Amino acid sequence: MERKRFLTFNALGAAVWVTSIALTGYVFGNEFNSLLDYFEKASWAIAGGLFTLAYLIWRREKKEVQGATSPARAQSSLAREIAKPRAEYRRAPRQREPCAITSS
């Protein structure tokens, strides 16, 4: 992309961003205390949801370990679960293509 075109779009994007943030502040400036109340309620709801999710995961893991017949089997089961995501991210190395440098 040409430098002139980039700077033009960058300036336009900055102008739109600053205008939208300033208008949002102007509109909600008088409602700041009521917005804080909403944010406080939302943060409590998010914290409760995360706590519940953590409890359910803990309970599921506890049942899986108790269901294993031996400690070695439980450990190998846990090791397989831990190793699963790693295998998904392993990929063959990419072949690099030559890069031609051009001047504009």
C-alpha atoms as a PDB file:
ATOM      1  CA  MET A   1       0.000   0.000   0.000  1.00  0.00           C
ATOM      2  CA  GLU A   2       1.306   3.429  -0.845  1.00  0.00           C
ATOM      3  CA  ARG A   3       2.325   5.680   2.014  1.00  0.00           C
ATOM      4  CA  LYS A   4      -0.011   8.513   0.969  1.00  0.00           C
ATOM      5  CA  ARG A   5      -3.027   6.201   0.766  1.00  0.00           C
ATOM      6  CA  PHE A   6      -2.160   4.590   4.116  1.00  0.00           C
ATOM      7  CA  LEU A   7      -1.835   7.947   5.866  1.00  0.00           C
ATOM      8  CA  THR A   8      -5.146   9.121   4.386  1.00  0.00           C
ATOM      9  CA  PHE A   9      -7.054   6.080   5.642  1.00  0.00           C
ATOM     10  CA  ASN A  10      -5.211   6.173   8.965  1.00  0.00           C
ATOM     11  CA  ALA A  11      -6.231   9.802   9.507  1.00  0.00           C
ATOM     12  CA  LEU A  12      -9.839   9.068   8.528  1.00  0.00           C
ATOM     13  CA  GLY A  13      -9.994   6.103  10.899  1.00  0.00           C
ATOM     14  CA  ALA A  14      -8.517   8.162  13.742  1.00  0.00           C
ATOM     15  CA  ALA A  15     -11.050  10.947  13.137  1.00  0.00           C
ATOM     16  CA  VAL A  16     -13.967   8.502  13.220  1.00  0.00           C
ATOM     17  CA  TRP A  17     -12.599   6.816  16.366  1.00  0.00           C
ATOM     18  CA  VAL A  18     -12.042  10.067  18.267  1.00  0.00           C
ATOM     19  CA  THR A  19     -15.441  11.427  17.238  1.00  0.00           C
ATOM     20  CA  SER A  20     -17.261   8.279  18.356  1.00  0.00           C
ATOM     21  CA  ILE A  21     -15.455   8.163  21.720  1.00  0.00           C
ATOM     22  CA  ALA A  22     -16.100  11.876  22.342  1.00  0.00           C
ATOM     23  CA  LEU A  23     -19.803  11.561  21.470  1.00  0.00           C
ATOM     24  CA  THR A  24     -20.155   8.488  23.686  1.00  0.00           C
ATOM     25  CA  GLY A  25     -18.598  10.399  26.577  1.00  0.00           C
ATOM     26  CA  TYR A  26     -20.879  13.368  25.967  1.00  0.00           C
ATOM     27  CA  VAL A  27     -24.038  11.241  25.786  1.00  0.00           C
ATOM     28  CA  PHE A  28     -23.263   9.081  28.830  1.00  0.00           C
ATOM     29  CA  GLY A  29     -21.511  11.766  30.878  1.00  0.00           C
ATOM     30  CA  ASN A  30     -24.595  12.547  32.946  1.00  0.00           C
ATOM     31  CA  GLU A  31     -25.424   8.864  33.381  1.00  0.00           C
ATOM     32  CA  PHE A  32     -22.046   7.864  34.800  1.00  0.00           C
ATOM     33  CA  ASN A  33     -23.349   6.656  38.185  1.00  0.00           C
ATOM     34  CA  SER A  34     -26.078   4.528  36.643  1.00  0.00           C
ATOM     35  CA  LEU A  35     -23.511   3.019  34.245  1.00  0.00           C
ATOM     36  CA  LEU A  36     -21.317   2.117  37.206  1.00  0.00           C
ATOM     37  CA  ASP A  37     -24.264   0.282  38.756  1.00  0.00           C
ATOM     38  CA  TYR A  38     -24.763  -1.738  35.558  1.00  0.00           C
ATOM     39  CA  PHE A  39     -21.057  -2.573  35.372  1.00  0.00           C
ATOM     40  CA  GLU A  40     -21.061  -3.700  38.991  1.00  0.00           C
ATOM     41  CA  LYS A  41     -24.028  -6.009  38.398  1.00  0.00           C
ATOM     42  CA  ALA A  42     -22.434  -7.385  35.250  1.00  0.00           C
ATOM     43  CA  SER A  43     -19.132  -8.044  37.019  1.00  0.00           C
ATOM     44  CA  TRP A  44     -20.921  -9.989  39.762  1.00  0.00           C
ATOM     45  CA  ALA A  45     -22.767 -12.031  37.131  1.00  0.00           C
ATOM     46  CA  ILE A  46     -19.527 -12.794  35.264  1.00  0.00           C
ATOM     47  CA  ALA A  47     -17.747 -13.762  38.486  1.00  0.00           C
ATOM     48  CA  GLY A  48     -20.632 -16.061  39.451  1.00  0.00           C
ATOM     49  CA  GLY A  49     -20.611 -17.669  36.019  1.00  0.00           C
ATOM     50  CA  LEU A  50     -16.860 -18.286  36.152  1.00  0.00           C
ATOM     51  CA  PHE A  51     -17.130 -19.750  39.648  1.00  0.00           C
ATOM     52  CA  THR A  52     -19.924 -22.081  38.529  1.00  0.00           C
ATOM     53  CA  LEU A  53     -17.954 -23.149  35.449  1.00  0.00           C
ATOM     54  CA  ALA A  54     -14.840 -23.858  37.537  1.00  0.00           C
ATOM     55  CA  TYR A  55     -16.898 -25.900  40.008  1.00  0.00           C
ATOM     56  CA  LEU A  56     -18.488 -27.978  37.232  1.00  0.00           C
ATOM     57  CA  ILE A  57     -15.115 -28.693  35.644  1.00  0.00           C
ATOM     58  CA  TRP A  58     -13.641 -29.640  39.022  1.00  0.00           C
ATOM     59  CA  ARG A  59     -16.574 -31.964  39.761  1.00  0.00           C
ATOM     60  CA  ARG A  60     -16.275 -33.644  36.342  1.00  0.00           C
ATOM     61  CA  GLU A  61     -12.535 -34.201  36.785  1.00  0.00           C
ATOM     62  CA  LYS A  62     -13.083 -35.592  40.276  1.00  0.00           C
ATOM     63  CA  LYS A  63     -15.649 -38.101  38.978  1.00  0.00           C
ATOM     64  CA  GLU A  64     -13.316 -39.207  36.179  1.00  0.00           C
ATOM     65  CA  VAL A  65     -10.443 -39.798  38.591  1.00  0.00           C
ATOM     66  CA  GLN A  66     -12.695 -41.677  41.051  1.00  0.00           C
ATOM     67  CA  GLY A  67     -14.036 -43.810  38.198  1.00  0.00           C
ATOM     68  CA  ALA A  68     -10.552 -45.060  37.323  1.00  0.00           C
ATOM     69  CA  THR A  69      -9.695 -48.471  38.763  1.00  0.00           C
ATOM     70  CA  SER A  70      -6.109 -47.678  39.718  1.00  0.00           C
ATOM     71  CA  PRO A  71      -4.026 -44.566  40.389  1.00  0.00           C
ATOM     72  CA  ALA A  72      -1.815 -45.403  37.399  1.00  0.00           C
ATOM     73  CA  ARG A  73      -4.856 -45.513  35.109  1.00  0.00           C
ATOM     74  CA  ALA A  74      -6.117 -42.207  36.497  1.00  0.00           C
ATOM     75  CA  GLN A  75      -2.728 -40.631  35.935  1.00  0.00           C
ATOM     76  CA  SER A  76      -2.483 -41.932  32.369  1.00  0.00           C
ATOM     77  CA  SER A  77      -6.016 -40.697  31.676  1.00  0.00           C
ATOM     78  CA  LEU A  78      -5.101 -37.248  32.950  1.00  0.00           C
ATOM     79  CA  ALA A  79      -1.884 -37.272  30.928  1.00  0.00           C
ATOM     80  CA  ARG A  80      -3.850 -38.066  27.760  1.00  0.00           C
ATOM     81  CA  GLU A  81      -6.237 -35.193  28.438  1.00  0.00           C
ATOM     82  CA  ILE A  82      -3.375 -32.790  28.992  1.00  0.00           C
ATOM     83  CA  ALA A  83      -1.567 -33.929  25.850  1.00  0.00           C
ATOM     84  CA  LYS A  84      -4.596 -33.531  23.545  1.00  0.00           C
ATOM     85  CA  PRO A  85      -4.347 -29.805  22.867  1.00  0.00           C
ATOM     86  CA  ARG A  86      -0.614 -30.032  22.157  1.00  0.00           C
ATOM     87  CA  ALA A  87      -1.160 -32.507  19.344  1.00  0.00           C
ATOM     88  CA  GLU A  88      -3.672 -30.183  17.694  1.00  0.00           C
ATOM     89  CA  TYR A  89      -1.138 -27.380  17.451  1.00  0.00           C
ATOM     90  CA  ARG A  90       1.692 -29.424  16.022  1.00  0.00           C
ATOM     91  CA  ARG A  91       2.035 -28.784  12.336  1.00  0.00           C
ATOM     92  CA  ALA A  92       4.596 -29.507   9.707  1.00  0.00           C
ATOM     93  CA  PRO A  93       6.990 -26.625   9.146  1.00  0.00           C
ATOM     94  CA  ARG A  94       5.947 -24.279   6.386  1.00  0.00           C
ATOM     95  CA  GLN A  95       7.984 -24.023   3.265  1.00  0.00           C
ATOM     96  CA  ARG A  96       9.248 -20.499   2.904  1.00  0.00           C
ATOM     97  CA  GLU A  97       8.797 -18.876  -0.438  1.00  0.00           C
ATOM     98  CA  PRO A  98      11.339 -16.424  -1.726  1.00  0.00           C
ATOM     99  CA  CYS A  99      10.333 -12.843  -1.140  1.00  0.00           C
ATOM    100  CA  ALA A 100      10.971 -10.320  -3.855  1.00  0.00           C
ATOM    101  CA  ILE A 101      11.661  -6.818  -2.583  1.00  0.00           C
ATOM    102  CA  THR A 102      10.341  -4.122  -4.858  1.00  0.00           C
ATOM    103  CA  SER A 103      10.532  -0.403  -4.550  1.00  0.00           C
ATOM    104  CA  SER A 104       7.634   1.851  -5.399  1.00  0.00           C
END
